[in-house]
Protein backbone atom coordinates (compact mmCIF):
# COMPACT_ATOMS: atom_id res chain seq x y z
CA MET A 1 -2.67 13.47 -65.84
CA SER A 2 -0.91 11.47 -63.06
CA TRP A 3 -1.51 8.20 -61.64
CA TRP A 4 -1.63 7.05 -58.15
CA CYS A 5 -2.14 3.95 -56.03
CA GLY A 6 -4.01 3.92 -52.71
CA CYS A 7 -0.58 4.50 -50.71
CA ARG A 8 1.45 7.56 -51.96
CA PRO A 9 4.84 8.39 -50.70
CA SER A 10 3.51 11.67 -49.31
CA MET A 11 1.16 9.76 -46.97
CA GLY A 12 4.21 8.56 -45.10
CA GLY A 13 3.71 4.88 -46.07
CA VAL A 14 0.97 2.52 -45.10
CA ARG A 15 -0.87 3.36 -41.94
CA LEU A 16 -1.31 0.46 -39.68
CA ASP A 17 -3.60 2.00 -37.12
CA GLN A 18 -6.57 2.16 -39.28
CA PRO A 19 -8.05 -0.58 -41.58
CA ILE A 20 -7.85 -0.12 -45.40
CA GLY A 21 -11.16 0.34 -46.75
CA ALA A 22 -10.31 0.35 -50.46
CA LEU A 23 -7.51 0.26 -52.81
CA PHE A 24 -7.76 2.48 -55.97
CA VAL A 25 -5.70 2.72 -59.04
CA GLY A 26 -6.53 5.49 -61.16
CA PRO A 27 -6.04 9.18 -62.29
CA TRP A 28 -5.14 11.66 -59.61
CA PRO A 29 -7.13 13.55 -58.38
CA PRO A 30 -9.94 11.00 -58.20
CA PRO A 31 -13.02 12.06 -60.06
CA SER A 32 -15.96 13.59 -58.21
CA ARG A 33 -18.77 11.35 -56.95
CA GLY A 34 -21.26 13.98 -57.75
CA LEU A 35 -21.22 13.40 -61.38
CA LEU A 36 -21.27 9.56 -60.79
CA LEU A 37 -24.18 9.77 -58.44
CA ALA A 38 -25.98 12.26 -60.90
CA THR A 39 -25.63 9.79 -63.68
CA VAL A 40 -26.84 6.83 -61.84
CA PHE A 41 -29.79 8.62 -60.50
CA ALA A 42 -30.62 9.94 -63.86
CA ALA A 43 -30.70 6.52 -65.18
CA ALA A 44 -32.74 5.26 -62.37
CA GLY A 45 -35.21 7.98 -62.97
CA ALA A 46 -35.27 7.17 -66.58
CA LEU A 47 -35.89 3.36 -65.60
CA LEU A 48 -38.60 4.56 -63.24
CA ALA A 49 -40.33 6.48 -65.96
CA ALA A 50 -40.07 3.50 -68.32
CA ALA A 51 -41.53 1.27 -65.67
CA PHE A 52 -44.42 3.83 -65.26
CA GLY A 53 -44.79 3.88 -69.03
CA PHE A 54 -44.91 0.17 -69.47
CA GLY A 55 -47.44 0.06 -66.52
CA VAL A 56 -49.73 2.42 -68.17
CA ILE A 57 -49.47 0.35 -71.53
CA HIS A 58 -50.34 -2.78 -69.41
CA ALA A 59 -53.37 -1.07 -67.89
CA ILE A 60 -54.68 -0.09 -71.56
CA ARG A 61 -53.79 -3.42 -73.29
CA ARG A 62 -53.34 -6.01 -70.59
CA THR A 63 -50.26 -7.58 -72.43
CA GLY A 64 -47.88 -9.77 -70.41
CA SER A 65 -44.88 -8.34 -72.28
CA SER A 66 -45.61 -4.77 -70.98
CA LEU A 67 -45.98 -6.09 -67.48
CA ALA A 68 -42.80 -8.00 -67.69
CA LEU A 69 -41.03 -4.92 -69.20
CA ALA A 70 -42.53 -2.59 -66.37
CA ALA A 71 -41.23 -5.10 -63.65
CA MET A 72 -37.72 -5.26 -65.29
CA ALA A 73 -37.40 -1.52 -65.44
CA GLY A 74 -38.64 -1.18 -61.78
CA VAL A 75 -36.29 -3.68 -60.39
CA ALA A 76 -33.39 -2.24 -62.44
CA ALA A 77 -34.21 1.19 -61.04
CA LEU A 78 -34.48 -0.15 -57.39
CA GLN A 79 -31.04 -1.95 -57.80
CA ALA A 80 -29.38 1.22 -59.18
CA ALA A 81 -30.66 3.21 -56.18
CA ALA A 82 -29.52 0.40 -53.78
CA GLU A 83 -26.15 0.41 -55.47
CA SER A 84 -25.66 4.12 -54.90
CA ILE A 85 -27.08 4.69 -51.55
CA ARG A 86 -23.80 3.90 -49.92
CA HIS A 87 -22.31 7.16 -51.31
CA LEU A 88 -25.27 9.23 -49.97
CA PHE A 89 -25.69 8.07 -46.39
CA PRO A 90 -23.12 6.87 -43.86
CA TYR A 91 -24.36 3.74 -42.13
CA ALA A 92 -23.29 0.92 -39.67
CA TYR A 93 -21.75 -2.32 -41.11
CA PRO A 94 -24.80 -4.43 -40.17
CA LEU A 95 -26.86 -2.44 -42.51
CA HIS A 96 -24.33 -2.93 -45.43
CA VAL A 97 -25.00 -6.78 -45.33
CA TRP A 98 -28.85 -5.86 -45.57
CA ARG A 99 -27.95 -3.64 -48.71
CA LEU A 100 -25.80 -6.38 -50.27
CA GLY A 101 -28.77 -8.89 -49.73
CA ALA A 102 -31.16 -6.43 -51.35
CA ILE A 103 -28.81 -6.01 -54.27
CA TRP A 104 -28.47 -9.76 -54.70
CA MET A 105 -32.35 -10.22 -54.44
CA LEU A 106 -32.97 -7.49 -57.09
CA ALA A 107 -30.29 -9.02 -59.36
CA ALA A 108 -31.95 -12.39 -59.02
CA ALA A 109 -35.37 -11.03 -59.68
CA PHE A 110 -34.06 -9.14 -62.79
CA ALA A 111 -32.52 -12.32 -64.13
CA ILE A 112 -35.67 -14.28 -63.63
CA LEU A 113 -37.70 -11.55 -65.22
CA LEU A 114 -35.39 -11.35 -68.20
CA VAL A 115 -35.37 -15.04 -68.85
CA ALA A 116 -39.27 -15.23 -68.55
CA TYR A 117 -39.63 -12.28 -71.01
CA SER A 118 -37.08 -13.80 -73.52
CA LEU A 119 -38.76 -17.14 -73.43
CA SER A 120 -42.17 -15.70 -74.00
CA ARG A 121 -40.97 -13.95 -77.11
CA PHE A 122 -38.42 -16.31 -78.51
CA TRP A 123 -39.01 -19.81 -77.32
CA PRO A 124 -42.47 -20.06 -75.86
CA GLY A 125 -42.61 -23.96 -75.94
CA ALA A 126 -39.64 -24.38 -73.76
CA ARG A 127 -40.97 -21.91 -70.95
CA ARG A 128 -41.57 -24.47 -68.05
CA PRO A 129 -38.36 -26.40 -68.14
CA VAL A 130 -36.01 -23.46 -68.93
CA MET A 131 -37.75 -21.35 -66.16
CA GLY A 132 -37.29 -24.35 -63.77
CA LEU A 133 -33.56 -24.35 -64.62
CA THR A 134 -33.39 -20.59 -64.09
CA LEU A 135 -35.10 -20.77 -60.80
CA VAL A 136 -32.57 -23.67 -59.71
CA ALA A 137 -29.54 -21.73 -61.02
CA VAL A 138 -30.54 -18.40 -59.37
CA GLY A 139 -31.40 -20.07 -55.99
CA ALA A 140 -28.28 -22.37 -55.92
CA PRO A 141 -25.46 -21.45 -53.56
CA PRO A 142 -22.18 -20.44 -55.38
CA TRP A 143 -19.58 -22.97 -56.11
CA ARG A 144 -17.81 -23.04 -52.87
CA ARG A 145 -17.68 -24.92 -49.68
CA VAL A 146 -21.02 -24.18 -47.99
CA SER A 147 -19.97 -25.92 -44.74
CA THR A 148 -17.65 -23.01 -43.71
């Protein structure tokens, strides 16, 4: 197996007339995207099945834990699909910003649901203060200069 870096000698050096979209270091030839996409969408399908199953359990028993698990599985499936949609359809750059925003919102929703579920199971007495801290931490801007 040979290894390559994004610019090989057979390419004639770095091309300056086109922007570089990515730099890869890995085995040559690069692995097929088909297997990766099949794996991601199989996992997304399993997560959607889990969301449906936990939704059915919630409809029967009316427990909060089954509702939280259904929501977590559904959000994780949507995030997996949003992460992989780039490889299925070409789209213009402005839509990429919306895709990244959706990925961030889904990750934030999953984090909040995970903390809520964990607190209800393992530390129910501290639910309000810890959920407040979680909401502040998820909603806070990253540690960088916000003025630029």
